């Protein structure tokens, strides 16, 4: 297993903890994993998360934009999945972002991953 595979699995473990109806950011996951400058790597992990039971639709950019939406089948699937969970999205951006933002650094014990 390469270092990337190991990092991706850690990303998936964190992403699986994101509660229903909440979102987090690529950077928040990277920071939690001790790799604060690796937000793009988290994005790459999310791109490869299909068929891994990972709620990738709950991971957005640092201001709540659905930047990963083009990796989902269908035009608005990412938005539809979030809206089905009660997250409001307008113009490809999560509304009330701070209210629905889930920070793994505050919510998870570091030894869980």
C-alpha atoms as a PDB file:
ATOM      1  CA  UNK A   1       0.000   0.000   0.000  1.00  0.00           C
ATOM      2  CA  UNK A   2       1.440   3.385  -0.978  1.00  0.00           C
ATOM      3  CA  UNK A   3       1.472   6.445   1.271  1.00  0.00           C
ATOM      4  CA  UNK A   4      -1.288   7.958  -0.877  1.00  0.00           C
ATOM      5  CA  UNK A   5      -3.484   4.880  -0.387  1.00  0.00           C
ATOM      6  CA  UNK A   6      -2.931   5.061   3.360  1.00  0.00           C
ATOM      7  CA  UNK A   7      -3.711   8.809   3.406  1.00  0.00           C
ATOM      8  CA  UNK A   8      -6.824   8.253   1.275  1.00  0.00           C
ATOM      9  CA  UNK A   9      -8.069   5.576   3.699  1.00  0.00           C
ATOM     10  CA  UNK A  10      -7.597   8.003   6.605  1.00  0.00           C
ATOM     11  CA  UNK A  11      -9.560  10.624   4.645  1.00  0.00           C
ATOM     12  CA  UNK A  12     -12.363   8.108   4.056  1.00  0.00           C
ATOM     13  CA  UNK A  13     -12.418   7.210   7.750  1.00  0.00           C
ATOM     14  CA  UNK A  14     -12.881  10.878   8.675  1.00  0.00           C
ATOM     15  CA  UNK A  15     -15.450  11.485   5.933  1.00  0.00           C
ATOM     16  CA  UNK A  16     -17.543   8.552   7.147  1.00  0.00           C
ATOM     17  CA  UNK A  17     -17.854  10.345  10.515  1.00  0.00           C
ATOM     18  CA  UNK A  18     -19.474  13.483   9.032  1.00  0.00           C
ATOM     19  CA  UNK A  19     -22.992  13.545  10.481  1.00  0.00           C
ATOM     20  CA  UNK A  20     -26.098  13.483   8.316  1.00  0.00           C
ATOM     21  CA  UNK A  21     -27.116  17.041   7.450  1.00  0.00           C
ATOM     22  CA  UNK A  22     -23.639  18.502   8.076  1.00  0.00           C
ATOM     23  CA  UNK A  23     -20.677  19.360   5.850  1.00  0.00           C
ATOM     24  CA  UNK A  24     -16.948  19.784   6.280  1.00  0.00           C
ATOM     25  CA  UNK A  25     -14.159  21.076   4.073  1.00  0.00           C
ATOM     26  CA  UNK A  26     -11.227  19.463   2.334  1.00  0.00           C
ATOM     27  CA  UNK A  27      -8.913  21.645   4.408  1.00  0.00           C
ATOM     28  CA  UNK A  28     -10.557  20.728   7.718  1.00  0.00           C
ATOM     29  CA  UNK A  29     -10.009  17.037   6.997  1.00  0.00           C
ATOM     30  CA  UNK A  30      -6.402  17.674   5.931  1.00  0.00           C
ATOM     31  CA  UNK A  31      -5.711  19.738   9.052  1.00  0.00           C
ATOM     32  CA  UNK A  32      -7.250  17.067  11.291  1.00  0.00           C
ATOM     33  CA  UNK A  33      -4.968  14.468   9.701  1.00  0.00           C
ATOM     34  CA  UNK A  34      -1.920  16.622  10.429  1.00  0.00           C
ATOM     35  CA  UNK A  35      -1.442  17.565   6.777  1.00  0.00           C
ATOM     36  CA  UNK A  36      -2.868  21.093   6.726  1.00  0.00           C
ATOM     37  CA  UNK A  37      -1.464  21.870   3.277  1.00  0.00           C
ATOM     38  CA  UNK A  38      -3.003  18.759   1.710  1.00  0.00           C
ATOM     39  CA  UNK A  39      -6.546  19.926   0.993  1.00  0.00           C
ATOM     40  CA  UNK A  40      -6.069  19.029  -2.682  1.00  0.00           C
ATOM     41  CA  UNK A  41      -5.031  15.506  -1.715  1.00  0.00           C
ATOM     42  CA  UNK A  42      -8.264  15.225   0.270  1.00  0.00           C
ATOM     43  CA  UNK A  43     -10.079  16.314  -2.893  1.00  0.00           C
ATOM     44  CA  UNK A  44      -8.314  13.632  -4.901  1.00  0.00           C
ATOM     45  CA  UNK A  45      -9.318  11.086  -2.267  1.00  0.00           C
ATOM     46  CA  UNK A  46     -12.946  12.226  -2.539  1.00  0.00           C
ATOM     47  CA  UNK A  47     -12.751  11.885  -6.350  1.00  0.00           C
ATOM     48  CA  UNK A  48     -11.711   8.268  -5.861  1.00  0.00           C
ATOM     49  CA  UNK A  49     -14.251   7.457  -3.160  1.00  0.00           C
ATOM     50  CA  UNK A  50     -16.998   6.066  -5.400  1.00  0.00           C
ATOM     51  CA  UNK A  51     -18.145   2.601  -4.292  1.00  0.00           C
ATOM     52  CA  UNK A  52     -16.379   2.983  -0.921  1.00  0.00           C
ATOM     53  CA  UNK A  53     -19.407   3.968   1.183  1.00  0.00           C
ATOM     54  CA  UNK A  54     -18.023   7.484   1.715  1.00  0.00           C
ATOM     55  CA  UNK A  55     -20.435  10.457   1.906  1.00  0.00           C
ATOM     56  CA  UNK A  56     -18.254  12.582  -0.399  1.00  0.00           C
ATOM     57  CA  UNK A  57     -21.182  14.944  -1.029  1.00  0.00           C
ATOM     58  CA  UNK A  58     -20.662  16.282   2.508  1.00  0.00           C
ATOM     59  CA  UNK A  59     -17.163  17.589   1.693  1.00  0.00           C
ATOM     60  CA  UNK A  60     -17.042  21.080   0.182  1.00  0.00           C
ATOM     61  CA  UNK A  61     -14.454  23.825  -0.163  1.00  0.00           C
ATOM     62  CA  UNK A  62     -13.520  26.259   2.614  1.00  0.00           C
ATOM     63  CA  UNK A  63     -16.349  28.689   1.837  1.00  0.00           C
ATOM     64  CA  UNK A  64     -19.015  26.059   1.222  1.00  0.00           C
ATOM     65  CA  UNK A  65     -18.863  25.813  -2.562  1.00  0.00           C
ATOM     66  CA  UNK A  66     -19.732  22.460  -4.117  1.00  0.00           C
ATOM     67  CA  UNK A  67     -16.431  22.302  -5.991  1.00  0.00           C
ATOM     68  CA  UNK A  68     -16.571  18.502  -6.283  1.00  0.00           C
ATOM     69  CA  UNK A  69     -19.995  18.457  -7.926  1.00  0.00           C
ATOM     70  CA  UNK A  70     -18.663  17.536 -11.378  1.00  0.00           C
ATOM     71  CA  UNK A  71     -17.450  14.199  -9.964  1.00  0.00           C
ATOM     72  CA  UNK A  72     -21.017  13.092  -9.245  1.00  0.00           C
ATOM     73  CA  UNK A  73     -23.265  11.475 -11.841  1.00  0.00           C
ATOM     74  CA  UNK A  74     -25.978  13.803 -13.056  1.00  0.00           C
ATOM     75  CA  UNK A  75     -25.897  17.567 -13.096  1.00  0.00           C
ATOM     76  CA  UNK A  76     -26.970  18.386  -9.552  1.00  0.00           C
ATOM     77  CA  UNK A  77     -26.569  15.093  -7.676  1.00  0.00           C
ATOM     78  CA  UNK A  78     -24.245  16.518  -5.006  1.00  0.00           C
ATOM     79  CA  UNK A  79     -26.688  19.356  -4.332  1.00  0.00           C
ATOM     80  CA  UNK A  80     -29.665  16.989  -4.324  1.00  0.00           C
ATOM     81  CA  UNK A  81     -27.986  14.667  -1.822  1.00  0.00           C
ATOM     82  CA  UNK A  82     -27.225  17.602   0.498  1.00  0.00           C
ATOM     83  CA  UNK A  83     -30.720  19.037   0.153  1.00  0.00           C
ATOM     84  CA  UNK A  84     -32.208  15.611   0.933  1.00  0.00           C
ATOM     85  CA  UNK A  85     -30.333  15.875   4.254  1.00  0.00           C
ATOM     86  CA  UNK A  86     -31.755  19.346   4.942  1.00  0.00           C
ATOM     87  CA  UNK A  87     -28.669  21.330   3.860  1.00  0.00           C
ATOM     88  CA  UNK A  88     -29.701  24.425   1.910  1.00  0.00           C
ATOM     89  CA  UNK A  89     -27.738  25.094  -1.267  1.00  0.00           C
ATOM     90  CA  UNK A  90     -28.047  28.150  -3.502  1.00  0.00           C
ATOM     91  CA  UNK A  91     -25.897  28.872  -6.565  1.00  0.00           C
ATOM     92  CA  UNK A  92     -23.718  25.815  -5.790  1.00  0.00           C
ATOM     93  CA  UNK A  93     -22.952  27.111  -2.282  1.00  0.00           C
ATOM     94  CA  UNK A  94     -24.025  25.770   1.109  1.00  0.00           C
ATOM     95  CA  UNK A  95     -26.184  28.318   2.885  1.00  0.00           C
ATOM     96  CA  UNK A  96     -25.679  28.945   6.620  1.00  0.00           C
ATOM     97  CA  UNK A  97     -22.283  27.312   6.131  1.00  0.00           C
ATOM     98  CA  UNK A  98     -20.988  28.027   9.643  1.00  0.00           C
ATOM     99  CA  UNK A  99     -24.159  26.556  11.131  1.00  0.00           C
ATOM    100  CA  UNK A 100     -23.871  23.218   9.296  1.00  0.00           C
ATOM    101  CA  UNK A 101     -20.057  23.060   9.275  1.00  0.00           C
ATOM    102  CA  UNK A 102     -18.621  20.045  11.098  1.00  0.00           C
ATOM    103  CA  UNK A 103     -15.011  20.371  12.240  1.00  0.00           C
ATOM    104  CA  UNK A 104     -13.345  16.978  12.753  1.00  0.00           C
ATOM    105  CA  UNK A 105     -10.686  18.604  14.961  1.00  0.00           C
ATOM    106  CA  UNK A 106     -13.401  19.571  17.441  1.00  0.00           C
ATOM    107  CA  UNK A 107     -15.628  16.528  17.029  1.00  0.00           C
ATOM    108  CA  UNK A 108     -13.230  13.573  16.829  1.00  0.00           C
ATOM    109  CA  UNK A 109     -10.565  12.366  19.193  1.00  0.00           C
ATOM    110  CA  UNK A 110      -7.234  12.243  17.319  1.00  0.00           C
ATOM    111  CA  UNK A 111      -6.653   8.614  18.278  1.00  0.00           C
ATOM    112  CA  UNK A 112      -9.810   7.471  16.422  1.00  0.00           C
ATOM    113  CA  UNK A 113      -8.112   7.514  13.032  1.00  0.00           C
END
